[in-house]
Amino acid sequence: MYAVLVSKSIIMKTLHLIKEIYMEGFRNLGHVIVREYFRIFTWISFILFFVALYAFVYRAVTGFAFD
C-alpha cells in the first residue's frame, strides 16, 4: 500500500512540474501578435487533428482495406 502511495506521489509531483514548466514558458508572452499567433496556431492544429481523426474513423467504418 505504501508503494502505491509513493508512486502516486511521484506521478503527481511530475505532473505538477510539467504544469509549472508550461505555465512559466507562456507566462510572459507580452507581445500581442505572438500571443495571438500561438492561439490561432493551437486552434488550427486542433481542427486539423480532428479532420484527420474523422477521415480515419470514416474509412474504418466504411470498410476501407488498409493494405
Protein backbone atom coordinates (compact mmCIF):
# COMPACT_ATOMS: atom_id res chain seq x y z
CA MET A 1 0.00 0.00 0.00
CA TYR A 2 2.86 2.36 0.83
CA ALA A 3 4.46 1.73 -2.59
CA VAL A 4 1.23 2.73 -4.33
CA LEU A 5 1.05 5.97 -2.35
CA VAL A 6 4.69 6.75 -3.11
CA SER A 7 4.22 6.09 -6.83
CA LYS A 8 1.09 8.28 -6.89
CA SER A 9 3.03 11.00 -5.11
CA ILE A 10 5.84 10.80 -7.66
CA ILE A 11 3.37 10.92 -10.55
CA MET A 12 1.57 13.92 -9.06
CA LYS A 13 4.86 15.76 -8.49
CA THR A 14 5.89 15.06 -12.08
CA LEU A 15 2.56 16.33 -13.44
CA HIS A 16 2.84 19.43 -11.27
CA LEU A 17 6.35 20.12 -12.55
CA ILE A 18 5.19 19.73 -16.17
CA LYS A 19 2.34 22.15 -15.49
CA GLU A 20 4.72 24.67 -13.91
CA ILE A 21 7.14 24.44 -16.85
CA TYR A 22 4.26 25.02 -19.29
CA MET A 23 2.90 27.96 -17.31
CA GLU A 24 6.35 29.54 -16.94
CA GLY A 25 7.02 29.19 -20.64
CA PHE A 26 3.89 31.12 -21.63
CA ARG A 27 3.57 33.48 -18.63
CA ASN A 28 5.47 36.42 -20.07
CA LEU A 29 4.36 36.34 -23.68
CA GLY A 30 3.83 40.06 -23.69
CA HIS A 31 3.58 40.83 -27.34
CA VAL A 32 0.01 40.63 -28.59
CA ILE A 33 0.98 39.36 -32.05
CA VAL A 34 2.95 36.43 -30.63
CA ARG A 35 0.18 35.54 -28.19
CA GLU A 36 -2.49 35.68 -30.92
CA TYR A 37 -0.29 33.67 -33.30
CA PHE A 38 0.00 30.86 -30.76
CA ARG A 39 -3.73 30.96 -30.08
CA ILE A 40 -4.56 30.72 -33.80
CA PHE A 41 -1.94 28.02 -34.33
CA THR A 42 -3.44 25.98 -31.48
CA TRP A 43 -6.96 26.14 -32.94
CA ILE A 44 -5.75 25.26 -36.43
CA SER A 45 -3.82 22.30 -35.02
CA PHE A 46 -6.90 21.03 -33.17
CA ILE A 47 -9.06 21.39 -36.27
CA LEU A 48 -6.55 19.53 -38.47
CA PHE A 49 -6.23 16.77 -35.88
CA PHE A 50 -9.99 16.26 -35.75
CA VAL A 51 -10.26 16.27 -39.56
CA ALA A 52 -7.63 13.53 -39.72
CA LEU A 53 -9.37 11.60 -36.94
CA TYR A 54 -12.71 11.92 -38.77
CA ALA A 55 -11.15 10.68 -42.03
CA PHE A 56 -9.62 7.67 -40.27
CA VAL A 57 -12.85 6.76 -38.48
CA TYR A 58 -14.86 7.19 -41.68
CA ARG A 59 -12.51 4.88 -43.58
CA ALA A 60 -12.54 2.33 -40.76
CA VAL A 61 -16.35 2.31 -40.51
CA THR A 62 -16.95 2.05 -44.27
CA GLY A 63 -14.68 -0.97 -44.58
CA PHE A 64 -11.66 0.53 -46.29
CA ALA A 65 -8.90 -2.05 -46.66
CA PHE A 66 -5.75 -0.70 -45.01
CA ASP A 67 -3.22 -2.70 -47.01
